[in-house]
Structures are given as C-alpha cells and as structure tokens.
Protein backbone atom coordinates (compact mmCIF):
# COMPACT_ATOMS: atom_id res chain seq x y z
CA MET A 1 -20.81 185.48 7.29
CA VAL A 2 -23.77 183.60 7.88
CA HIS A 3 -22.08 180.83 9.20
CA LEU A 4 -20.20 183.20 11.64
CA GLU A 5 -23.60 185.09 12.89
CA LEU A 6 -24.75 181.86 13.97
CA LEU A 7 -21.44 181.40 15.89
CA ALA A 8 -21.61 184.52 17.30
CA ASP A 9 -24.69 183.59 19.38
CA MET A 10 -23.30 182.55 22.66
CA ALA A 11 -26.26 180.09 23.26
CA PHE A 12 -25.88 178.61 19.75
CA LEU A 13 -22.02 177.76 20.48
CA ASP A 14 -22.62 176.37 23.80
CA SER A 15 -25.27 173.71 22.48
CA LEU A 16 -22.89 172.28 19.70
CA GLU A 17 -21.37 169.09 20.05
CA ASN A 18 -18.10 170.05 18.70
CA ARG A 19 -17.92 173.83 18.62
CA PHE A 20 -14.02 174.00 18.14
CA GLY A 21 -14.34 171.73 14.78
CA ALA A 22 -17.13 174.41 13.65
CA VAL A 23 -15.25 177.42 14.69
CA ASP A 24 -11.83 175.78 12.76
CA VAL A 25 -13.84 175.13 9.59
CA VAL A 26 -15.64 178.75 9.71
CA VAL A 27 -12.09 180.62 10.53
CA ARG A 28 -10.28 178.82 7.72
CA GLU A 29 -12.77 179.52 5.52
CA LEU A 30 -12.97 183.59 6.10
CA LEU A 31 -8.78 183.48 6.10
CA ARG A 32 -9.00 181.90 2.44
CA SER A 33 -12.24 184.11 1.42
CA ASP A 34 -11.67 187.07 -1.02
CA SER A 35 -14.21 188.92 1.23
CA SER A 36 -14.78 188.56 4.93
CA PRO A 37 -15.27 190.54 8.28
CA LEU A 38 -11.57 189.40 9.32
CA LEU A 39 -9.63 190.82 6.09
CA SER A 40 -12.10 194.08 6.03
CA ALA A 41 -11.21 194.58 9.94
CA ILE A 42 -7.76 194.29 9.02
CA VAL A 43 -7.71 196.16 6.11
CA ALA A 44 -9.70 199.08 7.97
CA ARG A 45 -7.01 199.39 10.57
CA TYR A 46 -3.65 197.86 8.85
CA GLY A 47 -4.51 198.92 5.08
CA GLY A 48 -3.25 196.95 2.12
CA LEU A 49 -6.33 196.71 -0.28
CA GLU A 50 -7.30 200.25 -1.61
CA HIS A 51 -11.45 200.73 -1.63
CA LEU A 52 -12.92 197.77 0.71
CA ILE A 53 -15.57 199.01 2.85
CA TYR A 54 -15.51 198.02 6.41
CA SER A 55 -19.45 197.91 6.37
CA GLU A 56 -21.21 198.30 9.74
CA SER A 57 -22.29 194.91 9.54
CA GLU A 58 -18.97 193.45 9.62
CA ARG A 59 -18.06 195.72 12.40
CA LYS A 60 -20.94 194.63 14.49
CA LEU A 61 -20.34 190.97 13.87
CA MET A 62 -16.26 191.40 14.56
CA GLU A 63 -17.14 193.13 17.74
CA ARG A 64 -19.45 190.06 18.86
CA THR A 65 -16.55 187.87 17.89
CA PHE A 66 -12.85 188.30 17.43
CA GLU A 67 -13.48 191.79 19.62
CA ASN A 68 -15.42 190.01 22.38
CA PRO A 69 -13.11 188.26 24.99
CA LYS A 70 -15.63 185.93 25.97
CA TRP A 71 -16.37 184.54 23.09
CA TYR A 72 -12.85 184.48 21.99
CA VAL A 73 -11.73 182.49 25.21
CA ALA A 74 -15.20 180.15 24.51
CA ALA A 75 -14.80 179.33 20.89
CA ASN A 76 -10.98 178.70 21.27
CA GLY A 77 -10.48 181.46 18.38
CA HIS A 78 -6.75 181.84 18.20
CA TYR A 79 -6.70 178.05 17.44
CA PRO A 80 -7.60 177.88 13.91
CA LEU A 81 -5.42 180.86 13.49
CA ILE A 82 -2.26 179.70 14.23
CA ILE A 83 -2.46 176.51 13.03
CA SER A 84 -3.55 178.21 9.65
CA ALA A 85 -0.45 179.81 9.83
CA LEU A 86 1.87 177.14 10.64
CA GLU A 87 0.45 175.08 8.17
CA ALA A 88 0.98 178.09 5.61
CA LEU A 89 5.07 178.05 7.05
CA ARG A 90 5.28 174.24 7.15
CA SER A 91 4.58 173.90 3.48
CA GLY A 92 7.30 175.48 2.23
CA LYS A 93 5.20 176.48 -0.67
CA LEU A 94 5.86 180.29 0.27
CA ASP A 95 9.49 180.46 0.66
CA ARG A 96 10.77 180.97 -2.66
CA LEU A 97 8.28 184.04 -3.34
CA TYR A 98 8.84 185.35 0.71
CA ASN A 99 12.31 185.63 0.46
CA GLY A 100 12.55 187.57 -3.20
CA VAL A 101 11.50 191.24 -3.19
CA GLY A 102 8.73 191.98 -0.83
CA ARG A 103 7.60 195.52 -2.32
CA ASP A 104 4.08 194.09 -3.39
CA TYR A 105 3.77 192.38 -0.10
CA GLU A 106 4.16 195.63 1.72
CA ALA A 107 2.56 197.88 -0.21
CA SER A 108 0.26 200.78 0.95
CA GLN A 109 -1.74 201.68 -2.08
CA GLY A 110 -3.67 199.19 -4.66
CA ILE A 111 -3.85 195.45 -3.87
CA SER A 112 -0.99 194.30 -1.67
CA SER A 113 -0.39 190.68 -1.94
CA ARG A 114 -0.59 190.32 2.04
CA SER A 115 -4.44 191.06 2.12
CA SER A 116 -4.54 187.66 0.76
CA CYS A 117 -1.60 186.23 3.06
CA PRO A 118 -3.21 183.94 5.90
CA ILE A 119 -0.14 184.37 8.03
CA TYR A 120 -0.79 188.14 7.76
CA LEU A 121 -4.20 187.55 8.33
CA ALA A 122 -3.88 185.18 11.07
CA VAL A 123 -1.02 187.39 12.94
CA LYS A 124 -3.48 190.73 12.25
CA THR A 125 -6.93 188.78 13.73
CA GLU A 126 -4.94 187.85 16.44
CA VAL A 127 -3.42 191.12 17.32
CA ILE A 128 -7.28 192.72 16.94
CA ALA A 129 -7.95 190.07 19.71
CA ILE A 130 -5.82 190.57 22.29
CA ASP A 131 -6.44 194.35 21.71
CA ALA A 132 -10.14 194.15 22.24
CA ALA A 133 -9.36 192.46 25.33
CA LEU A 134 -6.84 194.81 27.02
CA GLY A 135 -9.44 197.74 26.33
CA GLU A 136 -11.84 195.15 28.43
CA ARG A 137 -9.24 194.55 30.87
CA ALA A 138 -9.86 190.85 30.47
CA GLU A 139 -7.33 188.52 32.08
CA GLU A 140 -8.05 184.94 30.45
CA ASP A 141 -5.33 183.06 28.50
CA PHE A 142 -5.36 184.60 25.00
CA TYR A 143 -2.44 182.76 23.95
CA ILE A 144 -0.16 185.59 22.94
CA SER A 145 2.81 183.02 22.94
CA ASP A 146 1.03 182.38 19.14
CA LEU A 147 2.50 185.45 17.82
CA TRP A 148 6.18 184.12 19.25
CA GLN A 149 5.71 180.87 17.55
CA ILE A 150 4.86 182.46 14.46
CA PHE A 151 7.65 184.60 14.47
CA ASN A 152 9.80 181.52 15.10
CA ALA A 153 8.28 179.87 12.04
CA VAL A 154 8.95 182.60 9.85
CA LEU A 155 12.29 183.25 11.09
CA GLU A 156 13.14 179.41 10.31
CA ARG A 157 12.05 180.10 7.02
CA SER A 158 13.40 183.27 6.29
CA THR A 159 17.10 183.47 4.17
CA PHE A 160 19.24 186.37 4.10
CA ASP A 161 20.29 186.64 0.55
CA LYS A 162 22.60 189.77 -0.14
CA SER A 163 21.51 190.04 -3.51
CA VAL A 164 17.62 190.41 -2.42
CA TRP A 165 18.10 192.38 1.01
CA GLY A 166 20.26 194.43 -0.84
CA ASN A 167 18.44 195.18 -4.03
CA SER A 168 17.29 198.61 -5.33
CA PHE A 169 13.66 197.50 -5.49
CA SER A 170 13.63 196.25 -1.67
CA ASN A 171 12.03 198.03 1.04
CA PRO A 172 15.56 198.53 3.08
CA GLU A 173 13.74 198.24 6.62
CA PHE A 174 11.98 195.06 5.37
CA PRO A 175 13.20 193.94 2.24
CA THR A 176 11.09 190.43 1.76
CA PRO A 177 7.88 189.18 2.38
CA TYR A 178 9.35 187.07 5.49
CA ALA A 179 11.14 190.31 7.28
CA TYR A 180 8.24 192.08 6.53
CA LEU A 181 6.15 189.94 8.79
CA LEU A 182 8.58 189.52 11.26
CA TYR A 183 8.94 193.53 11.76
CA GLN A 184 4.95 193.37 11.99
CA ILE A 185 4.86 190.55 14.80
CA SER A 186 7.89 192.49 16.76
CA ALA A 187 6.18 196.23 16.23
CA ASP A 188 2.58 194.57 17.32
CA LEU A 189 4.18 193.21 21.00
CA ARG A 190 5.52 196.45 21.16
CA ALA A 191 2.14 198.35 20.07
CA LEU A 192 0.34 195.74 22.71
CA SER A 193 2.82 196.34 25.28
CA VAL A 194 2.27 200.08 25.13
CA ASN A 195 -1.61 199.36 24.65
CA ALA A 196 -1.33 197.26 28.09
CA LEU A 197 0.50 200.16 29.70
CA VAL A 198 -2.30 202.82 28.84
CA SER A 199 -4.71 200.72 30.48
CA ALA A 200 -2.87 200.15 33.61
CA THR A 201 -2.13 203.76 33.70
CA GLU A 202 -5.80 205.33 33.19
CA SER A 203 -5.96 205.89 37.04
CA PRO A 204 -3.72 207.95 39.27
CA LYS A 205 -2.85 204.18 40.87
CA VAL A 206 -0.95 202.40 38.22
CA ASP A 207 -1.96 198.65 38.38
CA ALA A 208 0.75 196.15 38.43
CA PRO A 209 1.45 194.26 35.19
CA GLY A 210 -1.43 191.68 34.68
CA ARG A 211 -1.92 188.52 33.04
CA ILE A 212 -1.88 190.00 29.37
CA ALA A 213 1.15 192.14 30.11
CA ARG A 214 3.18 189.56 31.62
CA ALA A 215 2.57 187.27 28.49
CA LEU A 216 3.31 190.49 26.14
CA ALA A 217 6.93 190.53 28.23
CA GLN A 218 7.83 187.15 27.71
CA SER A 219 6.65 186.58 24.24
CA TRP A 220 8.44 189.70 22.94
CA SER A 221 11.47 188.48 24.68
CA PHE A 222 11.24 185.08 23.27
CA CYS A 223 11.07 187.05 19.87
CA VAL A 224 14.67 188.74 20.83
CA TRP A 225 16.03 185.29 21.48
CA ASN A 226 15.05 183.88 18.44
CA ILE A 227 16.54 186.88 16.21
CA ALA A 228 19.74 187.08 18.31
CA ASP A 229 20.14 183.08 18.02
CA SER A 230 19.37 183.57 14.18
CA GLN A 231 22.68 182.72 11.49
CA GLY A 232 21.66 183.54 8.03
CA GLN A 233 18.17 184.35 8.14
CA VAL A 234 17.97 188.15 8.15
CA SER A 235 20.83 190.67 7.64
CA PRO A 236 22.80 192.07 10.76
CA GLN A 237 20.98 195.44 10.15
CA PHE A 238 17.61 194.03 10.67
CA ARG A 239 18.38 191.89 13.92
CA LYS A 240 19.65 194.88 15.13
CA ASP A 241 16.52 197.13 14.52
CA VAL A 242 14.49 194.46 15.70
CA ILE A 243 16.38 194.32 19.23
CA ARG A 244 16.66 197.79 19.76
CA GLN A 245 13.20 198.69 19.61
CA SER A 246 12.98 196.14 22.90
CA LEU A 247 15.97 197.82 24.17
CA LEU A 248 14.41 201.19 23.59
CA PHE A 249 11.21 200.19 25.21
CA ILE A 250 12.85 199.71 28.53
CA LEU A 251 15.08 202.49 28.54
CA GLY A 252 12.05 204.67 28.08
CA LEU A 253 10.05 202.63 31.25
CA HIS A 254 13.36 203.72 33.21
CA CYS A 255 13.81 207.11 31.95
CA GLU A 256 11.31 209.04 29.77
CA PRO A 257 7.91 207.09 29.50
CA THR A 258 6.47 209.72 27.07
CA GLU A 259 9.14 208.31 24.69
CA ILE A 260 6.47 205.38 24.48
CA TYR A 261 3.36 206.92 24.75
CA HIS A 262 1.48 209.90 26.10
CA CYS A 263 1.67 209.20 29.74
CA PRO A 264 -1.08 210.79 32.05
CA SER A 265 0.70 213.81 34.16
CA GLY A 266 1.21 212.72 37.56
CA ILE A 267 2.91 209.37 37.05
CA GLY A 268 6.60 209.03 37.17
CA THR A 269 9.15 206.45 35.97
CA ASP A 270 9.16 205.36 40.19
CA ASP A 271 5.25 204.41 39.20
CA LEU A 272 6.64 201.93 36.35
CA VAL A 273 9.34 200.36 37.76
CA PRO A 274 7.38 196.95 38.30
CA TRP A 275 6.62 197.30 34.13
CA ARG A 276 10.11 198.44 33.83
CA ASP A 277 11.51 195.66 35.91
CA LEU A 278 9.05 192.83 34.08
CA PHE A 279 10.48 193.28 30.33
CA LEU A 280 14.12 193.95 31.72
CA SER A 281 13.76 190.60 33.66
CA GLU A 282 11.94 188.60 30.87
CA LEU A 283 14.79 189.72 28.26
CA ARG A 284 17.63 188.83 30.77
CA LYS A 285 16.37 185.56 31.18
CA ARG A 286 16.88 184.78 27.87
CA ILE A 287 20.17 185.96 27.26
CA ILE A 288 22.14 185.24 30.28
CA GLY A 289 24.70 182.56 30.06
CA ASN A 290 24.55 182.82 26.21
CA PRO A 291 27.48 184.28 24.57
CA ARG A 292 25.60 184.44 20.70
CA ARG A 293 22.68 186.42 22.12
CA LEU A 294 24.76 188.25 24.50
CA GLU A 295 26.96 189.51 21.43
CA ALA A 296 23.98 190.22 19.31
CA ILE A 297 22.49 192.23 22.20
CA ARG A 298 25.62 194.12 22.52
CA GLU A 299 25.44 194.88 19.10
CA ALA A 300 22.39 196.33 19.24
CA PHE A 301 22.99 198.31 22.44
CA ASP A 302 25.90 200.33 20.97
CA SER A 303 23.99 201.04 17.88
CA LEU A 304 21.46 203.07 20.47
CA ASP A 305 21.33 206.68 19.34
CA GLN A 306 22.80 208.30 22.43
CA GLY A 307 21.50 211.69 20.71
CA LYS A 308 18.36 211.12 22.42
CA MET A 309 18.12 212.13 25.89
CA PHE A 310 16.62 209.28 28.01
CA VAL A 311 19.34 207.18 25.50
CA PHE A 312 22.20 208.97 27.02
CA HIS A 313 21.07 209.14 30.61
CA GLY A 314 19.67 205.42 30.72
CA ARG A 315 22.51 203.57 28.78
CA GLU A 316 24.94 203.15 31.71
CA TRP A 317 22.26 201.61 33.98
CA LEU A 318 21.06 199.12 31.15
CA GLU A 319 24.24 198.29 30.08
CA GLU A 320 24.85 197.05 33.89
CA LYS A 321 21.49 195.40 33.97
CA LEU A 322 22.16 193.45 30.78
CA PHE A 323 26.11 192.72 30.62
CA GLY A 324 27.21 193.32 34.36
CA SER A 325 29.61 196.17 35.27
C-alpha cells in the first residue's frame, strides 16, 4: 500500500524517469499479495473471500488510482494487469487445474481459489477501472480490448472434457475455472455495456455511443466470434449460452430496453437505434461470410426462448439482419 500511495500522487508519478516500470512492479506485487487494495475492492464487489474487510484507507486509495480515470491512463495501469494474466495463461501451469472441476474456484462461501488467481484479479481490476471511467464520462483509451484478449487466451487453453463438464460436482453453468473466466468476461462486457447505456440516458436526450461504448461493442463481438469459432474448447451448450447473451442484448435494444436495464421514462426504442445498430453491426462484421460462425450463431439464435415477448416480437427482425431473408 505504501508504494501505491506514492504512485497515487500524480506529481510524484510524473516526476519518475520510468513511471511505467514503477507501476508495473507495484501492480504485479499487488496481484500476488494475500492482502491488497485490489483484492479488497474485488472481493467487496464480487465476493470470493469471506470476512475480508475493505478498509476506508484502501477504498480511498483505489479511488485515487484504479478508480481514477486520469491516473489509470497516466500510469498505463492496464498494462501490468493484462500482461500478468497472459503470462499466467501462456505458462500452461494452470491448464490441468483450470480444466478440472471448478467448484472451489467459483465458490461464494469461504475462501475461493479465484481470490488468488492473477487472471481473475486482473480482469476484475480492469472492469472496475472501466466502470469508473463510465461513471465519469471519460473518453480516453481504456484498452477495453484487453478483456477480449484475455477471453481469447483463456479459450485457447480451455478443453472440453465430457467427464469434467458432465461431472455431478461441476456447476452446469461454468463447470471449470476456465469456463468460469469465460463466463465472467462475457458477463462483464454485458454489464459494462449496460452501464454505458445508463450513462448515456441520464438526460432526456440520449447520447450517441461514445468511445468506450464502441470499444465495448467491438470487444464483445470479438468474444462471440472467438467462441463461435471454437472447436473442442467448451461444450456446445456453453457456447450457445455465451452467444445468446449478445443476441438478447440486441433484441432488448430493439424491442424492450427494460429487459436490459431500468430505462428512464420517456426513452423509447427509437431513441436507442444508434446503440442497437452499433452492437448489431459489430456482431455482423465478425460472422458474415464464415459458415462455421454463422452455424454457431444460428444454433444460439434457434435456442432463444420465444416465450419472452421481446424475443417473440423481435425474432424475425434479428433473423433477417443476421442471416438474410
């Protein structure tokens, strides 16, 4: 904490001859530590380590650093996070454990093994930083593509083993730690996209998608593209589940935004057309002309629950947009 406190001082940070190197060393140590402001902030928001107290001093330090868009950009705070995650994945040391039953990793009670996972901690720290930037309507480059890069790297290491994915001890939603990470990154991109929408619709006039929103739409579509292209990394059902979330988001924007978030009164689907078209166009760019991806998208599309009225009313429109008449 002492070193992060020093780096939180923008004047001190700017005075360093190699500030990026200093930030890199400190952030890597924070990711490895059993006690750090990063860990406390993540556990406070996402759970995974019971009875850990997020102290006021840690909270204030996070507000000055990773939840401060100006500091995050000036310190290049994303870089040691993504590099640490990718290094852990490239080493291959986690493959056997992370392709096994993941109950301990995703556990909500007691001490979850994800609370010491450099990949999970890196992802969630970036999510917290991006969320803070949305709250302040910042429009710098927050390297949202990092989330897609980690998603892709996790997918490459993931292996679909029926004996594990169908194990009675496995969580059917995310049977392995690698599956849990894929699930979380996809869910994070959706949640951040919702928060971008919330920020844009706080006033009667709906703001057009900004830089962060466009980056979120692109990165989310790349994740869908990767998993649609996958062979033997995840189960067919898991692949459909991940793709389906993107389709439902687009359908919600088209027919019923309250299915996505608490839409302010006076804002209708016509106001959200630029947002709908952004997420739709990014998805179309990833799948057009590729039979394998189109087949995977079609399977997810056909599995949509037509008992939901917004799906029933928007299904024909989305089918034409994705697959042609």
